Amino acid sequence: MNNQNMKIQNPETQVQKTPQMNDRDFINDCLATEKYLTGAYSVAMNEASHEHLYQDLNQIFNETQDCQRQLFNLMFKKGWYSFEAADQQKLNQTYQQFQGYTNQFPYNGNTIS
């Protein structure tokens, strides 16, 4: 089966197309904002020099990330967010390529205790 140009998408919830913003526009705007904020909070956490500040930023980051995920799920559920299906042959090639890198990882894939 050829996955070329195959979309993964739920049936689209229709919205009125008018010059004013509709539900899809508002949710899309919120989603873009949440994506921007998670990136900004990530940078701020990397730069935080005080542990309590880091913990506060981390909590806000997690809440923002959860909100972003809920907005994404809503858009996907309504059919307003879709994906191109990946070609299985390309997936297999990429998997094989990166599987070969595992012998270069330190600790043979074991985590440090």
N, C-alpha and C. Protein backbone atom coordinates (compact mmCIF):
# COMPACT_ATOMS: atom_id res chain seq x y z
N MET A 1 0.85 -1.19 0.00
CA MET A 1 0.00 0.00 0.00
C MET A 1 0.88 1.24 0.00
N ASN A 2 0.58 2.18 -0.84
CA ASN A 2 1.34 3.41 -0.94
C ASN A 2 0.73 4.47 -0.02
N ASN A 3 1.54 4.97 0.90
CA ASN A 3 1.05 5.97 1.84
C ASN A 3 1.26 7.39 1.33
N GLN A 4 1.70 7.53 0.09
CA GLN A 4 1.96 8.84 -0.48
C GLN A 4 0.69 9.68 -0.44
N ASN A 5 0.79 10.87 0.14
CA ASN A 5 -0.32 11.82 0.21
C ASN A 5 -1.52 11.31 1.02
N MET A 6 -1.33 10.28 1.82
CA MET A 6 -2.41 9.79 2.66
C MET A 6 -2.43 10.59 3.95
N LYS A 7 -3.60 11.11 4.31
CA LYS A 7 -3.72 11.92 5.51
C LYS A 7 -4.30 11.09 6.64
N ILE A 8 -3.80 11.36 7.84
CA ILE A 8 -4.37 10.80 9.05
C ILE A 8 -5.14 11.94 9.68
N GLN A 9 -6.47 11.79 9.69
CA GLN A 9 -7.31 12.91 10.12
C GLN A 9 -8.70 12.40 10.46
N ASN A 10 -9.29 12.98 11.48
CA ASN A 10 -10.69 12.72 11.81
C ASN A 10 -11.58 13.52 10.87
N PRO A 11 -12.85 13.15 10.78
CA PRO A 11 -13.77 13.96 9.96
C PRO A 11 -13.79 15.40 10.48
N GLU A 12 -13.72 16.33 9.57
CA GLU A 12 -13.61 17.75 9.95
C GLU A 12 -14.94 18.30 10.44
N THR A 13 -14.88 18.98 11.58
CA THR A 13 -16.02 19.73 12.09
C THR A 13 -16.07 21.04 11.33
N GLN A 14 -17.17 21.27 10.64
CA GLN A 14 -17.28 22.47 9.82
C GLN A 14 -17.51 23.71 10.69
N VAL A 15 -16.86 24.79 10.31
CA VAL A 15 -17.06 26.08 10.97
C VAL A 15 -17.41 27.09 9.89
N GLN A 16 -18.16 28.09 10.27
CA GLN A 16 -18.56 29.13 9.34
C GLN A 16 -17.34 29.94 8.92
N LYS A 17 -17.19 30.13 7.64
CA LYS A 17 -16.07 30.92 7.12
C LYS A 17 -16.54 32.35 6.94
N THR A 18 -16.10 33.18 7.86
CA THR A 18 -16.45 34.60 7.84
C THR A 18 -15.18 35.40 8.09
N PRO A 19 -15.24 36.71 7.92
CA PRO A 19 -14.05 37.53 8.22
C PRO A 19 -13.67 37.48 9.71
N GLN A 20 -14.66 37.18 10.56
CA GLN A 20 -14.37 37.10 12.00
C GLN A 20 -13.73 35.75 12.31
N MET A 21 -12.98 35.74 13.42
CA MET A 21 -12.36 34.49 13.85
C MET A 21 -13.45 33.52 14.30
N ASN A 22 -13.29 32.25 13.93
CA ASN A 22 -14.23 31.22 14.35
C ASN A 22 -13.55 30.33 15.41
N ASP A 23 -14.24 29.29 15.86
CA ASP A 23 -13.69 28.42 16.90
C ASP A 23 -12.35 27.82 16.49
N ARG A 24 -12.27 27.38 15.24
CA ARG A 24 -11.01 26.80 14.77
C ARG A 24 -9.87 27.82 14.84
N ASP A 25 -10.13 29.04 14.42
CA ASP A 25 -9.12 30.09 14.46
C ASP A 25 -8.65 30.37 15.89
N PHE A 26 -9.61 30.47 16.81
CA PHE A 26 -9.26 30.76 18.21
C PHE A 26 -8.43 29.63 18.81
N ILE A 27 -8.85 28.39 18.57
CA ILE A 27 -8.11 27.26 19.14
C ILE A 27 -6.73 27.16 18.50
N ASN A 28 -6.65 27.38 17.21
CA ASN A 28 -5.35 27.34 16.52
C ASN A 28 -4.42 28.42 17.06
N ASP A 29 -4.97 29.61 17.32
CA ASP A 29 -4.17 30.70 17.89
C ASP A 29 -3.67 30.33 19.29
N CYS A 30 -4.56 29.76 20.09
CA CYS A 30 -4.17 29.33 21.45
C CYS A 30 -3.09 28.25 21.38
N LEU A 31 -3.25 27.30 20.46
CA LEU A 31 -2.26 26.23 20.31
C LEU A 31 -0.90 26.79 19.93
N ALA A 32 -0.87 27.71 19.00
CA ALA A 32 0.40 28.33 18.60
C ALA A 32 1.04 29.07 19.77
N THR A 33 0.22 29.75 20.56
CA THR A 33 0.73 30.47 21.73
C THR A 33 1.31 29.50 22.75
N GLU A 34 0.60 28.40 23.02
CA GLU A 34 1.09 27.41 23.98
C GLU A 34 2.39 26.78 23.51
N LYS A 35 2.51 26.52 22.22
CA LYS A 35 3.77 25.97 21.68
C LYS A 35 4.91 26.95 21.89
N TYR A 36 4.65 28.23 21.62
CA TYR A 36 5.67 29.26 21.83
C TYR A 36 6.06 29.32 23.31
N LEU A 37 5.07 29.29 24.20
CA LEU A 37 5.34 29.40 25.63
C LEU A 37 6.16 28.21 26.14
N THR A 38 5.85 26.99 25.68
CA THR A 38 6.63 25.84 26.16
C THR A 38 8.09 25.97 25.73
N GLY A 39 8.32 26.49 24.55
CA GLY A 39 9.70 26.72 24.12
C GLY A 39 10.39 27.77 24.98
N ALA A 40 9.67 28.84 25.28
CA ALA A 40 10.25 29.91 26.10
C ALA A 40 10.52 29.44 27.52
N TYR A 41 9.58 28.68 28.09
CA TYR A 41 9.79 28.16 29.45
C TYR A 41 10.96 27.17 29.48
N SER A 42 11.13 26.42 28.44
CA SER A 42 12.25 25.47 28.36
C SER A 42 13.58 26.22 28.41
N VAL A 43 13.67 27.30 27.66
CA VAL A 43 14.89 28.12 27.68
C VAL A 43 15.09 28.72 29.07
N ALA A 44 14.01 29.24 29.65
CA ALA A 44 14.11 29.85 30.98
C ALA A 44 14.57 28.83 32.01
N MET A 45 14.07 27.60 31.94
CA MET A 45 14.51 26.57 32.89
C MET A 45 15.99 26.26 32.72
N ASN A 46 16.46 26.25 31.48
CA ASN A 46 17.89 25.99 31.24
C ASN A 46 18.77 27.09 31.82
N GLU A 47 18.23 28.30 31.91
CA GLU A 47 18.99 29.44 32.38
C GLU A 47 18.78 29.75 33.86
N ALA A 48 17.83 29.08 34.51
CA ALA A 48 17.52 29.37 35.91
C ALA A 48 18.70 28.98 36.80
N SER A 49 19.16 29.93 37.59
CA SER A 49 20.31 29.67 38.46
C SER A 49 19.89 29.35 39.89
N HIS A 50 18.63 29.52 40.20
CA HIS A 50 18.14 29.29 41.55
C HIS A 50 17.18 28.10 41.52
N GLU A 51 17.35 27.16 42.44
CA GLU A 51 16.57 25.92 42.42
C GLU A 51 15.07 26.17 42.55
N HIS A 52 14.66 27.07 43.43
CA HIS A 52 13.23 27.33 43.60
C HIS A 52 12.63 27.98 42.34
N LEU A 53 13.38 28.85 41.71
CA LEU A 53 12.92 29.45 40.45
C LEU A 53 12.77 28.35 39.40
N TYR A 54 13.75 27.46 39.34
CA TYR A 54 13.67 26.35 38.39
C TYR A 54 12.43 25.51 38.64
N GLN A 55 12.15 25.17 39.89
CA GLN A 55 10.99 24.36 40.23
C GLN A 55 9.68 25.06 39.85
N ASP A 56 9.60 26.36 40.10
CA ASP A 56 8.41 27.12 39.71
C ASP A 56 8.23 27.12 38.20
N LEU A 57 9.32 27.37 37.48
CA LEU A 57 9.25 27.37 36.02
C LEU A 57 8.87 25.99 35.49
N ASN A 58 9.40 24.97 36.12
CA ASN A 58 9.11 23.60 35.69
C ASN A 58 7.62 23.29 35.88
N GLN A 59 7.05 23.72 36.98
CA GLN A 59 5.62 23.48 37.21
C GLN A 59 4.79 24.23 36.16
N ILE A 60 5.14 25.48 35.90
CA ILE A 60 4.41 26.26 34.89
C ILE A 60 4.59 25.63 33.51
N PHE A 61 5.81 25.18 33.21
CA PHE A 61 6.08 24.51 31.93
C PHE A 61 5.17 23.30 31.76
N ASN A 62 5.10 22.45 32.80
CA ASN A 62 4.28 21.24 32.73
C ASN A 62 2.81 21.57 32.53
N GLU A 63 2.31 22.59 33.22
CA GLU A 63 0.92 23.00 33.04
C GLU A 63 0.68 23.51 31.62
N THR A 64 1.63 24.27 31.12
CA THR A 64 1.53 24.82 29.76
C THR A 64 1.58 23.70 28.73
N GLN A 65 2.47 22.74 28.95
CA GLN A 65 2.59 21.60 28.04
C GLN A 65 1.31 20.78 28.03
N ASP A 66 0.72 20.57 29.21
CA ASP A 66 -0.55 19.84 29.29
C ASP A 66 -1.65 20.58 28.54
N CYS A 67 -1.69 21.89 28.68
CA CYS A 67 -2.69 22.71 27.98
C CYS A 67 -2.48 22.60 26.47
N GLN A 68 -1.24 22.68 26.04
CA GLN A 68 -0.92 22.54 24.62
C GLN A 68 -1.41 21.20 24.10
N ARG A 69 -1.19 20.13 24.87
CA ARG A 69 -1.59 18.80 24.43
C ARG A 69 -3.12 18.69 24.34
N GLN A 70 -3.83 19.28 25.30
CA GLN A 70 -5.29 19.24 25.27
C GLN A 70 -5.83 19.99 24.05
N LEU A 71 -5.21 21.13 23.73
CA LEU A 71 -5.64 21.89 22.55
C LEU A 71 -5.36 21.09 21.27
N PHE A 72 -4.19 20.45 21.20
CA PHE A 72 -3.85 19.62 20.06
C PHE A 72 -4.87 18.49 19.91
N ASN A 73 -5.16 17.80 21.03
CA ASN A 73 -6.12 16.70 20.98
C ASN A 73 -7.50 17.17 20.51
N LEU A 74 -7.93 18.34 20.97
CA LEU A 74 -9.21 18.90 20.55
C LEU A 74 -9.22 19.17 19.05
N MET A 75 -8.14 19.80 18.57
CA MET A 75 -8.08 20.10 17.13
C MET A 75 -8.05 18.81 16.30
N PHE A 76 -7.30 17.81 16.77
CA PHE A 76 -7.24 16.55 16.03
C PHE A 76 -8.61 15.86 16.04
N LYS A 77 -9.28 15.87 17.20
CA LYS A 77 -10.60 15.25 17.34
C LYS A 77 -11.61 15.90 16.38
N LYS A 78 -11.51 17.21 16.21
CA LYS A 78 -12.44 17.93 15.34
C LYS A 78 -12.03 17.88 13.87
N GLY A 79 -10.90 17.23 13.58
CA GLY A 79 -10.44 17.12 12.20
C GLY A 79 -9.73 18.35 11.69
N TRP A 80 -9.31 19.22 12.59
CA TRP A 80 -8.64 20.47 12.21
C TRP A 80 -7.12 20.33 12.22
N TYR A 81 -6.63 19.16 12.54
CA TYR A 81 -5.19 18.91 12.57
C TYR A 81 -4.99 17.55 11.93
N SER A 82 -4.13 17.48 10.94
CA SER A 82 -3.91 16.21 10.25
C SER A 82 -2.42 15.97 10.06
N PHE A 83 -2.10 14.74 9.67
CA PHE A 83 -0.71 14.33 9.44
C PHE A 83 -0.63 13.62 8.11
N GLU A 84 0.54 13.71 7.51
CA GLU A 84 0.81 12.88 6.34
C GLU A 84 1.26 11.52 6.86
N ALA A 85 0.68 10.46 6.32
CA ALA A 85 1.09 9.11 6.72
C ALA A 85 2.52 8.87 6.26
N ALA A 86 3.31 8.27 7.14
CA ALA A 86 4.71 7.97 6.82
C ALA A 86 4.79 6.73 5.94
N ASP A 87 5.71 6.76 5.01
CA ASP A 87 5.95 5.62 4.14
C ASP A 87 6.65 4.53 4.95
N GLN A 88 6.10 3.31 4.96
CA GLN A 88 6.63 2.22 5.79
C GLN A 88 8.08 1.90 5.42
N GLN A 89 8.43 1.96 4.16
CA GLN A 89 9.81 1.67 3.74
C GLN A 89 10.78 2.70 4.32
N LYS A 90 10.39 3.98 4.31
CA LYS A 90 11.24 5.02 4.89
C LYS A 90 11.36 4.84 6.39
N LEU A 91 10.27 4.45 7.05
CA LEU A 91 10.33 4.19 8.50
C LEU A 91 11.31 3.06 8.80
N ASN A 92 11.24 1.99 8.02
CA ASN A 92 12.14 0.86 8.23
C ASN A 92 13.60 1.25 8.00
N GLN A 93 13.86 2.04 6.96
CA GLN A 93 15.23 2.49 6.68
C GLN A 93 15.76 3.35 7.81
N THR A 94 14.95 4.28 8.30
CA THR A 94 15.37 5.16 9.39
C THR A 94 15.61 4.36 10.66
N TYR A 95 14.73 3.41 10.94
CA TYR A 95 14.91 2.55 12.12
C TYR A 95 16.23 1.80 12.03
N GLN A 96 16.50 1.22 10.89
CA GLN A 96 17.76 0.46 10.71
C GLN A 96 18.97 1.38 10.87
N GLN A 97 18.88 2.58 10.32
CA GLN A 97 19.99 3.52 10.42
C GLN A 97 20.31 3.84 11.87
N PHE A 98 19.29 4.16 12.65
CA PHE A 98 19.53 4.55 14.04
C PHE A 98 19.77 3.35 14.94
N GLN A 99 19.28 2.19 14.56
CA GLN A 99 19.56 0.99 15.34
C GLN A 99 21.07 0.72 15.32
N GLY A 100 21.72 1.05 14.21
CA GLY A 100 23.17 0.87 14.11
C GLY A 100 23.95 1.79 15.03
N TYR A 101 23.34 2.87 15.48
CA TYR A 101 24.02 3.82 16.36
C TYR A 101 24.04 3.36 17.81
N THR A 102 23.20 2.40 18.17
CA THR A 102 23.08 2.04 19.58
C THR A 102 24.38 1.51 20.17
N ASN A 103 25.23 0.92 19.34
CA ASN A 103 26.50 0.42 19.88
C ASN A 103 27.46 1.55 20.22
N GLN A 104 27.13 2.77 19.82
CA GLN A 104 27.96 3.93 20.14
C GLN A 104 27.55 4.58 21.46
N PHE A 105 26.40 4.18 22.00
CA PHE A 105 25.93 4.78 23.25
C PHE A 105 26.74 4.25 24.42
N PRO A 106 27.05 5.14 25.35
CA PRO A 106 27.77 4.67 26.55
C PRO A 106 26.85 3.80 27.41
N TYR A 107 27.42 2.96 28.18
CA TYR A 107 26.70 2.13 29.17
C TYR A 107 25.81 1.08 28.51
N ASN A 108 25.99 0.79 27.24
CA ASN A 108 25.22 -0.23 26.55
C ASN A 108 23.72 -0.11 26.76
N GLY A 109 23.23 1.10 26.80
CA GLY A 109 21.80 1.33 26.96
C GLY A 109 21.32 1.26 28.40
N ASN A 110 22.21 0.93 29.33
CA ASN A 110 21.82 0.91 30.73
C ASN A 110 21.85 2.31 31.29
N THR A 111 20.96 2.58 32.20
CA THR A 111 20.94 3.91 32.81
C THR A 111 21.89 3.95 33.99
N ILE A 112 22.30 5.14 34.32
CA ILE A 112 23.19 5.35 35.46
C ILE A 112 22.35 5.37 36.72
N SER A 113 22.76 4.63 37.70
CA SER A 113 22.02 4.61 38.98
C SER A 113 22.54 5.66 39.91
